């Protein structure tokens, strides 16, 4: 699955890319002292859209703040889905997660879905150290 669109809204003037299997700083994904091999690192106030070229039944994972934020940061995570020819609808919204918080898990039904959108918003205090991790993010195929 390739990303179809990525957009980051800079808080000041610093632009942040997203990174596959790394945190937004380029290091390994780590939340609550646990290393994760797979996932996506983003900064707050960004969205990443994936077009699904085949059918999947689930999108599972967890969200949290990377340990590199050293207890700082606050992010709200959202996953939206788009069925064929339909409008986006919210499938998951996290609570406000802060640096050091336990990751929050999600599991989303993807039957009939053509695209997914991962969104991060700063929650409080601007977008300072809002190093958002999508941990163990994985798509489950229909035949699995």
Protein backbone atom coordinates (compact mmCIF):
# COMPACT_ATOMS: atom_id res chain seq x y z
CA UNK A 1 0.00 0.00 0.00
CA UNK A 2 1.49 3.30 -1.07
CA UNK A 3 0.60 6.65 0.40
CA UNK A 4 -1.58 8.75 -1.85
CA UNK A 5 -1.22 12.07 -0.08
CA UNK A 6 0.66 13.55 2.88
CA UNK A 7 0.21 17.00 4.32
CA UNK A 8 1.78 18.57 7.41
CA UNK A 9 0.65 21.95 8.71
CA UNK A 10 3.73 23.53 10.34
CA UNK A 11 3.24 25.04 13.78
CA UNK A 12 5.92 27.66 13.23
CA UNK A 13 8.01 27.11 10.15
CA UNK A 14 9.40 23.61 10.73
CA UNK A 15 8.06 20.99 8.30
CA UNK A 16 8.01 17.35 9.42
CA UNK A 17 7.89 14.37 7.04
CA UNK A 18 6.25 11.10 7.98
CA UNK A 19 8.49 8.05 8.30
CA UNK A 20 7.78 4.36 7.82
CA UNK A 21 9.01 2.13 10.65
CA UNK A 22 10.75 5.12 12.30
CA UNK A 23 9.73 8.00 14.53
CA UNK A 24 9.47 11.50 13.07
CA UNK A 25 13.11 12.14 14.08
CA UNK A 26 14.32 9.11 12.08
CA UNK A 27 15.11 6.84 15.04
CA UNK A 28 13.38 3.58 15.95
CA UNK A 29 9.79 3.80 17.13
CA UNK A 30 9.71 3.65 20.93
CA UNK A 31 6.84 4.30 23.31
CA UNK A 32 6.90 3.54 27.06
CA UNK A 33 10.37 2.00 26.69
CA UNK A 34 9.11 -0.58 24.17
CA UNK A 35 10.68 -0.69 20.70
CA UNK A 36 8.43 -1.30 17.71
CA UNK A 37 9.68 -2.71 14.41
CA UNK A 38 6.66 -1.57 12.39
CA UNK A 39 4.62 1.60 12.32
CA UNK A 40 4.59 5.20 11.18
CA UNK A 41 6.09 8.29 12.79
CA UNK A 42 4.42 11.66 12.22
CA UNK A 43 4.26 15.02 13.91
CA UNK A 44 1.03 16.62 15.05
CA UNK A 45 -1.14 18.54 12.63
CA UNK A 46 -0.60 16.15 9.76
CA UNK A 47 -2.63 13.74 7.69
CA UNK A 48 -1.61 10.77 5.60
CA UNK A 49 -3.98 9.11 3.13
CA UNK A 50 -3.55 5.58 1.79
CA UNK A 51 -5.49 4.29 -1.22
CA UNK A 52 -6.15 0.57 -0.87
CA UNK A 53 -5.44 -1.28 -4.12
CA UNK A 54 -6.97 -4.49 -2.78
CA UNK A 55 -9.53 -5.56 -0.20
CA UNK A 56 -8.59 -5.70 3.47
CA UNK A 57 -10.75 -6.72 6.41
CA UNK A 58 -9.08 -4.87 9.31
CA UNK A 59 -6.64 -2.10 10.22
CA UNK A 60 -5.13 -2.69 13.66
CA UNK A 61 -2.50 -1.00 15.77
CA UNK A 62 -1.96 1.42 18.63
CA UNK A 63 -1.11 5.10 18.97
CA UNK A 64 1.21 6.89 21.37
CA UNK A 65 3.83 9.58 21.83
CA UNK A 66 7.42 8.64 21.03
CA UNK A 67 9.79 8.41 24.00
CA UNK A 68 12.10 10.92 22.26
CA UNK A 69 9.60 13.60 23.37
CA UNK A 70 10.85 12.95 26.95
CA UNK A 71 7.41 13.11 28.54
CA UNK A 72 6.29 16.14 26.54
CA UNK A 73 3.78 16.42 23.73
CA UNK A 74 0.03 15.93 23.49
CA UNK A 75 -1.71 14.49 20.45
CA UNK A 76 -5.17 13.38 19.42
CA UNK A 77 -5.15 10.65 16.75
CA UNK A 78 -7.91 9.96 14.24
CA UNK A 79 -8.50 7.33 11.56
CA UNK A 80 -11.11 8.01 8.88
CA UNK A 81 -12.25 5.61 6.18
CA UNK A 82 -13.74 6.19 2.74
CA UNK A 83 -15.94 3.60 1.04
CA UNK A 84 -16.02 3.36 -2.76
CA UNK A 85 -17.61 6.54 -4.07
CA UNK A 86 -18.54 7.67 -0.56
CA UNK A 87 -17.64 10.36 1.93
CA UNK A 88 -15.00 10.14 4.65
CA UNK A 89 -16.25 8.98 8.03
CA UNK A 90 -14.41 8.81 11.34
CA UNK A 91 -13.68 5.23 12.45
CA UNK A 92 -11.44 5.94 15.48
CA UNK A 93 -10.56 8.94 17.62
CA UNK A 94 -8.14 8.58 20.51
CA UNK A 95 -8.26 10.44 23.75
CA UNK A 96 -5.58 13.07 24.29
CA UNK A 97 -2.32 11.18 24.62
CA UNK A 98 0.66 12.79 26.34
CA UNK A 99 4.31 11.81 26.48
CA UNK A 100 4.67 8.83 28.80
CA UNK A 101 1.03 7.68 28.45
CA UNK A 102 0.15 4.08 27.67
CA UNK A 103 -0.54 3.57 23.94
CA UNK A 104 -4.20 3.34 22.92
CA UNK A 105 -5.17 0.41 20.66
CA UNK A 106 -7.52 0.51 17.69
CA UNK A 107 -9.11 -2.05 15.37
CA UNK A 108 -11.10 -0.86 12.35
CA UNK A 109 -13.30 -2.82 9.95
CA UNK A 110 -12.16 -2.17 6.36
CA UNK A 111 -14.68 -4.23 4.41
CA UNK A 112 -15.88 -2.08 1.50
CA UNK A 113 -13.29 0.64 2.21
CA UNK A 114 -11.14 2.14 -0.58
CA UNK A 115 -8.98 4.58 1.43
CA UNK A 116 -7.86 5.31 4.99
CA UNK A 117 -6.71 8.62 6.45
CA UNK A 118 -4.42 8.90 9.48
CA UNK A 119 -4.62 12.27 11.17
CA UNK A 120 -2.77 13.81 14.12
CA UNK A 121 -3.79 17.01 15.88
CA UNK A 122 -1.97 18.85 18.63
CA UNK A 123 -4.11 18.72 21.73
CA UNK A 124 -2.69 21.32 24.15
CA UNK A 125 0.29 23.64 24.25
CA UNK A 126 0.78 23.96 20.51
CA UNK A 127 2.67 21.34 18.55
CA UNK A 128 5.76 21.17 20.76
CA UNK A 129 7.29 17.66 20.91
CA UNK A 130 4.11 16.15 19.42
CA UNK A 131 5.97 13.11 18.07
CA UNK A 132 3.08 10.85 17.13
CA UNK A 133 3.59 7.11 16.62
CA UNK A 134 1.24 4.70 14.86
CA UNK A 135 2.55 1.50 16.47
CA UNK A 136 2.37 -1.99 14.91
CA UNK A 137 0.03 -0.50 12.29
CA UNK A 138 -1.03 -3.36 10.04
CA UNK A 139 -3.61 -4.21 7.43
CA UNK A 140 -5.19 -7.65 7.56
CA UNK A 141 -5.99 -9.19 4.19
CA UNK A 142 -9.42 -10.65 3.51
CA UNK A 143 -7.93 -14.14 3.01
CA UNK A 144 -5.88 -14.09 6.28
